Amino acid sequence: MIKTFKMKLYEGQEKEYERRHNELWPEMIDMIHEHGGKNYTICLDKETLTLFGYIEIEDEELWSKGADTAINRKWWDFMADIMETNPDNSPVAVDLPVLFHLD
């Protein structure tokens, strides 16, 4: 199953966002894989600072359980200063419908 979504970066935080993801914690990588995520890509529209995410997941229910893990909550707290977040520090993310996919 493919999930796509968008998020918003704060102005001037492009390099910091990239740096943090290039140094993604091993525990966070493990959590993503343990909750059925693979082929995860995040792209940036530099004009709007909109982040576009693409991830392949095994199961929506399994994937959603990853949000409640301690490592995920720690990551949200770590990223909250450079992007739009909800009151619990989860990123403001809007699901995007997949209109076309070619294997």
N, C-alpha and C. Protein backbone atom coordinates (compact mmCIF):
# COMPACT_ATOMS: atom_id res chain seq x y z
N MET A 1 0.85 -1.17 0.00
CA MET A 1 0.00 0.00 0.00
C MET A 1 0.90 1.24 0.00
N ILE A 2 0.51 2.23 -0.79
CA ILE A 2 1.27 3.48 -0.87
C ILE A 2 0.57 4.56 -0.08
N LYS A 3 1.34 5.31 0.71
CA LYS A 3 0.83 6.49 1.42
C LYS A 3 1.60 7.69 0.89
N THR A 4 0.89 8.75 0.59
CA THR A 4 1.51 10.01 0.22
C THR A 4 0.90 11.11 1.07
N PHE A 5 1.71 12.11 1.38
CA PHE A 5 1.24 13.18 2.27
C PHE A 5 2.11 14.41 2.08
N LYS A 6 1.64 15.53 2.63
CA LYS A 6 2.43 16.75 2.59
C LYS A 6 2.54 17.33 3.99
N MET A 7 3.65 18.04 4.22
CA MET A 7 3.92 18.72 5.48
C MET A 7 4.54 20.07 5.12
N LYS A 8 4.78 20.91 6.11
CA LYS A 8 5.29 22.25 5.84
C LYS A 8 6.51 22.54 6.70
N LEU A 9 7.56 23.00 6.03
CA LEU A 9 8.81 23.36 6.69
C LEU A 9 8.83 24.85 6.98
N TYR A 10 9.46 25.25 8.09
CA TYR A 10 9.62 26.67 8.37
C TYR A 10 10.72 27.25 7.49
N GLU A 11 10.57 28.51 7.15
CA GLU A 11 11.53 29.19 6.29
C GLU A 11 12.94 29.12 6.87
N GLY A 12 13.90 28.84 5.99
CA GLY A 12 15.30 28.78 6.38
C GLY A 12 15.72 27.47 7.02
N GLN A 13 14.85 26.49 7.09
CA GLN A 13 15.15 25.23 7.77
C GLN A 13 15.43 24.07 6.81
N GLU A 14 15.58 24.37 5.53
CA GLU A 14 15.77 23.32 4.54
C GLU A 14 17.01 22.47 4.82
N LYS A 15 18.13 23.10 5.04
CA LYS A 15 19.38 22.36 5.26
C LYS A 15 19.34 21.60 6.58
N GLU A 16 18.74 22.18 7.61
CA GLU A 16 18.65 21.50 8.89
C GLU A 16 17.75 20.27 8.80
N TYR A 17 16.64 20.38 8.09
CA TYR A 17 15.75 19.25 7.90
C TYR A 17 16.49 18.11 7.20
N GLU A 18 17.21 18.46 6.14
CA GLU A 18 17.97 17.45 5.40
C GLU A 18 19.06 16.84 6.28
N ARG A 19 19.76 17.66 7.04
CA ARG A 19 20.83 17.15 7.91
C ARG A 19 20.28 16.15 8.92
N ARG A 20 19.18 16.52 9.57
CA ARG A 20 18.60 15.63 10.58
C ARG A 20 18.17 14.30 9.97
N HIS A 21 17.63 14.34 8.78
CA HIS A 21 17.20 13.09 8.15
C HIS A 21 18.38 12.27 7.62
N ASN A 22 19.44 12.94 7.22
CA ASN A 22 20.64 12.21 6.82
C ASN A 22 21.30 11.51 8.01
N GLU A 23 20.99 11.97 9.21
CA GLU A 23 21.50 11.36 10.43
C GLU A 23 20.39 10.65 11.21
N LEU A 24 19.39 10.15 10.48
CA LEU A 24 18.23 9.51 11.11
C LEU A 24 18.69 8.43 12.09
N TRP A 25 18.14 8.50 13.29
CA TRP A 25 18.53 7.57 14.35
C TRP A 25 18.24 6.12 13.95
N PRO A 26 19.16 5.21 14.24
CA PRO A 26 18.93 3.79 13.93
C PRO A 26 17.64 3.26 14.56
N GLU A 27 17.31 3.74 15.75
CA GLU A 27 16.07 3.29 16.42
C GLU A 27 14.83 3.73 15.65
N MET A 28 14.92 4.88 15.00
CA MET A 28 13.80 5.38 14.21
C MET A 28 13.66 4.54 12.93
N ILE A 29 14.78 4.22 12.32
CA ILE A 29 14.75 3.35 11.13
C ILE A 29 14.14 2.00 11.49
N ASP A 30 14.56 1.44 12.63
CA ASP A 30 14.01 0.15 13.07
C ASP A 30 12.50 0.25 13.28
N MET A 31 12.04 1.33 13.91
CA MET A 31 10.61 1.50 14.17
C MET A 31 9.83 1.55 12.86
N ILE A 32 10.34 2.29 11.89
CA ILE A 32 9.67 2.39 10.58
C ILE A 32 9.54 1.00 9.96
N HIS A 33 10.63 0.24 9.95
CA HIS A 33 10.60 -1.10 9.37
C HIS A 33 9.70 -2.05 10.17
N GLU A 34 9.77 -1.98 11.50
CA GLU A 34 8.95 -2.85 12.35
C GLU A 34 7.46 -2.58 12.19
N HIS A 35 7.11 -1.39 11.75
CA HIS A 35 5.70 -1.04 11.56
C HIS A 35 5.30 -1.06 10.08
N GLY A 36 6.10 -1.79 9.29
CA GLY A 36 5.72 -2.09 7.92
C GLY A 36 6.07 -1.04 6.88
N GLY A 37 6.93 -0.08 7.22
CA GLY A 37 7.29 0.96 6.26
C GLY A 37 8.56 0.63 5.48
N LYS A 38 8.56 0.97 4.20
CA LYS A 38 9.76 0.80 3.37
C LYS A 38 9.67 1.79 2.20
N ASN A 39 10.79 1.95 1.50
CA ASN A 39 10.84 2.86 0.35
C ASN A 39 10.27 4.24 0.70
N TYR A 40 10.79 4.83 1.77
CA TYR A 40 10.32 6.11 2.29
C TYR A 40 11.11 7.23 1.64
N THR A 41 10.41 8.16 1.03
CA THR A 41 11.03 9.30 0.37
C THR A 41 10.30 10.57 0.78
N ILE A 42 11.06 11.63 1.05
CA ILE A 42 10.48 12.94 1.32
C ILE A 42 11.15 13.94 0.38
N CYS A 43 10.35 14.71 -0.33
CA CYS A 43 10.84 15.70 -1.28
C CYS A 43 10.41 17.09 -0.83
N LEU A 44 11.12 18.11 -1.30
CA LEU A 44 10.84 19.49 -0.92
C LEU A 44 10.54 20.34 -2.15
N ASP A 45 9.44 21.08 -2.08
CA ASP A 45 9.17 22.14 -3.06
C ASP A 45 9.77 23.41 -2.46
N LYS A 46 10.91 23.85 -2.99
CA LYS A 46 11.63 24.98 -2.43
C LYS A 46 10.86 26.29 -2.50
N GLU A 47 9.96 26.42 -3.46
CA GLU A 47 9.18 27.65 -3.59
C GLU A 47 8.16 27.81 -2.47
N THR A 48 7.57 26.70 -2.02
CA THR A 48 6.51 26.77 -1.01
C THR A 48 6.92 26.19 0.34
N LEU A 49 8.09 25.56 0.39
CA LEU A 49 8.58 24.84 1.58
C LEU A 49 7.65 23.70 1.98
N THR A 50 6.93 23.17 1.00
CA THR A 50 6.08 22.02 1.22
C THR A 50 6.91 20.75 1.05
N LEU A 51 6.80 19.88 2.03
CA LEU A 51 7.45 18.56 1.99
C LEU A 51 6.42 17.55 1.48
N PHE A 52 6.83 16.72 0.54
CA PHE A 52 5.96 15.67 0.01
C PHE A 52 6.55 14.33 0.40
N GLY A 53 5.76 13.51 1.10
CA GLY A 53 6.22 12.21 1.54
C GLY A 53 5.58 11.08 0.76
N TYR A 54 6.38 10.03 0.55
CA TYR A 54 5.93 8.81 -0.11
C TYR A 54 6.49 7.66 0.71
N ILE A 55 5.63 6.73 1.10
CA ILE A 55 6.09 5.53 1.80
C ILE A 55 5.20 4.37 1.41
N GLU A 56 5.83 3.21 1.32
CA GLU A 56 5.08 1.98 1.09
C GLU A 56 4.92 1.30 2.44
N ILE A 57 3.68 0.94 2.77
CA ILE A 57 3.41 0.29 4.05
C ILE A 57 2.71 -1.04 3.82
N GLU A 58 2.88 -1.94 4.79
CA GLU A 58 2.24 -3.26 4.70
C GLU A 58 0.76 -3.19 5.05
N ASP A 59 0.44 -2.41 6.09
CA ASP A 59 -0.90 -2.41 6.65
C ASP A 59 -1.13 -1.07 7.36
N GLU A 60 -2.25 -0.44 7.10
CA GLU A 60 -2.56 0.87 7.69
C GLU A 60 -2.61 0.81 9.21
N GLU A 61 -3.21 -0.22 9.77
CA GLU A 61 -3.32 -0.34 11.23
C GLU A 61 -1.95 -0.51 11.88
N LEU A 62 -1.13 -1.39 11.32
CA LEU A 62 0.22 -1.58 11.84
C LEU A 62 1.02 -0.29 11.76
N TRP A 63 0.94 0.40 10.64
CA TRP A 63 1.68 1.65 10.45
C TRP A 63 1.25 2.70 11.47
N SER A 64 -0.05 2.83 11.70
CA SER A 64 -0.54 3.86 12.62
C SER A 64 -0.08 3.62 14.06
N LYS A 65 0.19 2.37 14.42
CA LYS A 65 0.68 2.07 15.77
C LYS A 65 2.07 2.65 16.02
N GLY A 66 2.83 2.88 14.96
CA GLY A 66 4.16 3.46 15.10
C GLY A 66 4.14 4.85 15.69
N ALA A 67 3.06 5.58 15.50
CA ALA A 67 2.95 6.94 16.02
C ALA A 67 3.02 6.97 17.55
N ASP A 68 2.58 5.91 18.20
CA ASP A 68 2.54 5.88 19.66
C ASP A 68 3.79 5.30 20.31
N THR A 69 4.83 5.07 19.53
CA THR A 69 6.06 4.55 20.12
C THR A 69 6.87 5.68 20.73
N ALA A 70 7.66 5.34 21.74
CA ALA A 70 8.48 6.35 22.42
C ALA A 70 9.48 7.00 21.46
N ILE A 71 10.08 6.21 20.57
CA ILE A 71 11.08 6.76 19.66
C ILE A 71 10.43 7.72 18.67
N ASN A 72 9.22 7.42 18.22
CA ASN A 72 8.54 8.32 17.30
C ASN A 72 8.18 9.64 17.98
N ARG A 73 7.71 9.55 19.21
CA ARG A 73 7.38 10.78 19.97
C ARG A 73 8.64 11.62 20.20
N LYS A 74 9.76 10.96 20.46
CA LYS A 74 11.03 11.67 20.64
C LYS A 74 11.43 12.37 19.34
N TRP A 75 11.23 11.69 18.20
CA TRP A 75 11.54 12.29 16.89
C TRP A 75 10.67 13.51 16.64
N TRP A 76 9.37 13.40 16.92
CA TRP A 76 8.48 14.54 16.74
C TRP A 76 8.96 15.74 17.55
N ASP A 77 9.32 15.49 18.81
CA ASP A 77 9.82 16.58 19.66
C ASP A 77 11.08 17.19 19.07
N PHE A 78 11.96 16.35 18.54
CA PHE A 78 13.22 16.79 17.95
C PHE A 78 12.99 17.66 16.70
N MET A 79 11.95 17.38 15.94
CA MET A 79 11.69 18.08 14.69
C MET A 79 10.76 19.29 14.84
N ALA A 80 10.13 19.45 15.97
CA ALA A 80 9.08 20.46 16.14
C ALA A 80 9.55 21.89 15.93
N ASP A 81 10.83 22.16 16.13
CA ASP A 81 11.31 23.54 16.00
C ASP A 81 11.53 23.97 14.55
N ILE A 82 11.45 23.04 13.60
CA ILE A 82 11.75 23.42 12.21
C ILE A 82 10.59 23.20 11.23
N MET A 83 9.44 22.74 11.74
CA MET A 83 8.32 22.49 10.84
C MET A 83 6.99 22.69 11.57
N GLU A 84 5.92 22.83 10.80
CA GLU A 84 4.60 23.00 11.40
C GLU A 84 4.20 21.72 12.12
N THR A 85 3.71 21.89 13.36
CA THR A 85 3.32 20.73 14.17
C THR A 85 1.97 20.98 14.85
N ASN A 86 1.38 19.89 15.28
CA ASN A 86 0.17 19.91 16.09
C ASN A 86 0.57 20.12 17.56
N PRO A 87 -0.40 20.32 18.46
CA PRO A 87 -0.06 20.53 19.87
C PRO A 87 0.76 19.39 20.50
N ASP A 88 0.65 18.16 19.99
CA ASP A 88 1.43 17.04 20.53
C ASP A 88 2.78 16.88 19.84
N ASN A 89 3.16 17.88 19.03
CA ASN A 89 4.41 17.91 18.25
C ASN A 89 4.41 16.98 17.04
N SER A 90 3.33 16.29 16.77
CA SER A 90 3.26 15.52 15.53
C SER A 90 3.23 16.51 14.37
N PRO A 91 3.84 16.16 13.25
CA PRO A 91 3.82 17.10 12.13
C PRO A 91 2.40 17.29 11.60
N VAL A 92 2.10 18.51 11.20
CA VAL A 92 0.85 18.75 10.49
C VAL A 92 1.01 18.08 9.14
N ALA A 93 0.31 16.99 8.94
CA ALA A 93 0.44 16.21 7.70
C ALA A 93 -0.94 16.04 7.08
N VAL A 94 -0.99 16.26 5.79
CA VAL A 94 -2.23 16.11 5.03
C VAL A 94 -2.04 14.96 4.05
N ASP A 95 -2.88 13.94 4.16
CA ASP A 95 -2.80 12.82 3.22
C ASP A 95 -3.15 13.31 1.82
N LEU A 96 -2.43 12.79 0.84
CA LEU A 96 -2.69 13.10 -0.56
C LEU A 96 -3.16 11.84 -1.27
N PRO A 97 -4.21 11.94 -2.06
CA PRO A 97 -4.67 10.75 -2.78
C PRO A 97 -3.72 10.40 -3.92
N VAL A 98 -3.49 9.11 -4.09
CA VAL A 98 -2.68 8.64 -5.21
C VAL A 98 -3.60 8.55 -6.42
N LEU A 99 -3.30 9.31 -7.45
CA LEU A 99 -4.12 9.31 -8.65
C LEU A 99 -3.55 8.44 -9.75
N PHE A 100 -2.24 8.18 -9.67
CA PHE A 100 -1.60 7.35 -10.69
C PHE A 100 -0.37 6.70 -10.08
N HIS A 101 -0.17 5.44 -10.40
CA HIS A 101 1.03 4.71 -9.97
C HIS A 101 1.36 3.70 -11.05
N LEU A 102 2.63 3.68 -11.45
CA LEU A 102 3.10 2.72 -12.43
C LEU A 102 4.20 1.91 -11.77
N ASP A 103 4.10 0.59 -11.79
CA ASP A 103 5.09 -0.27 -11.14
C ASP A 103 6.49 0.01 -11.63
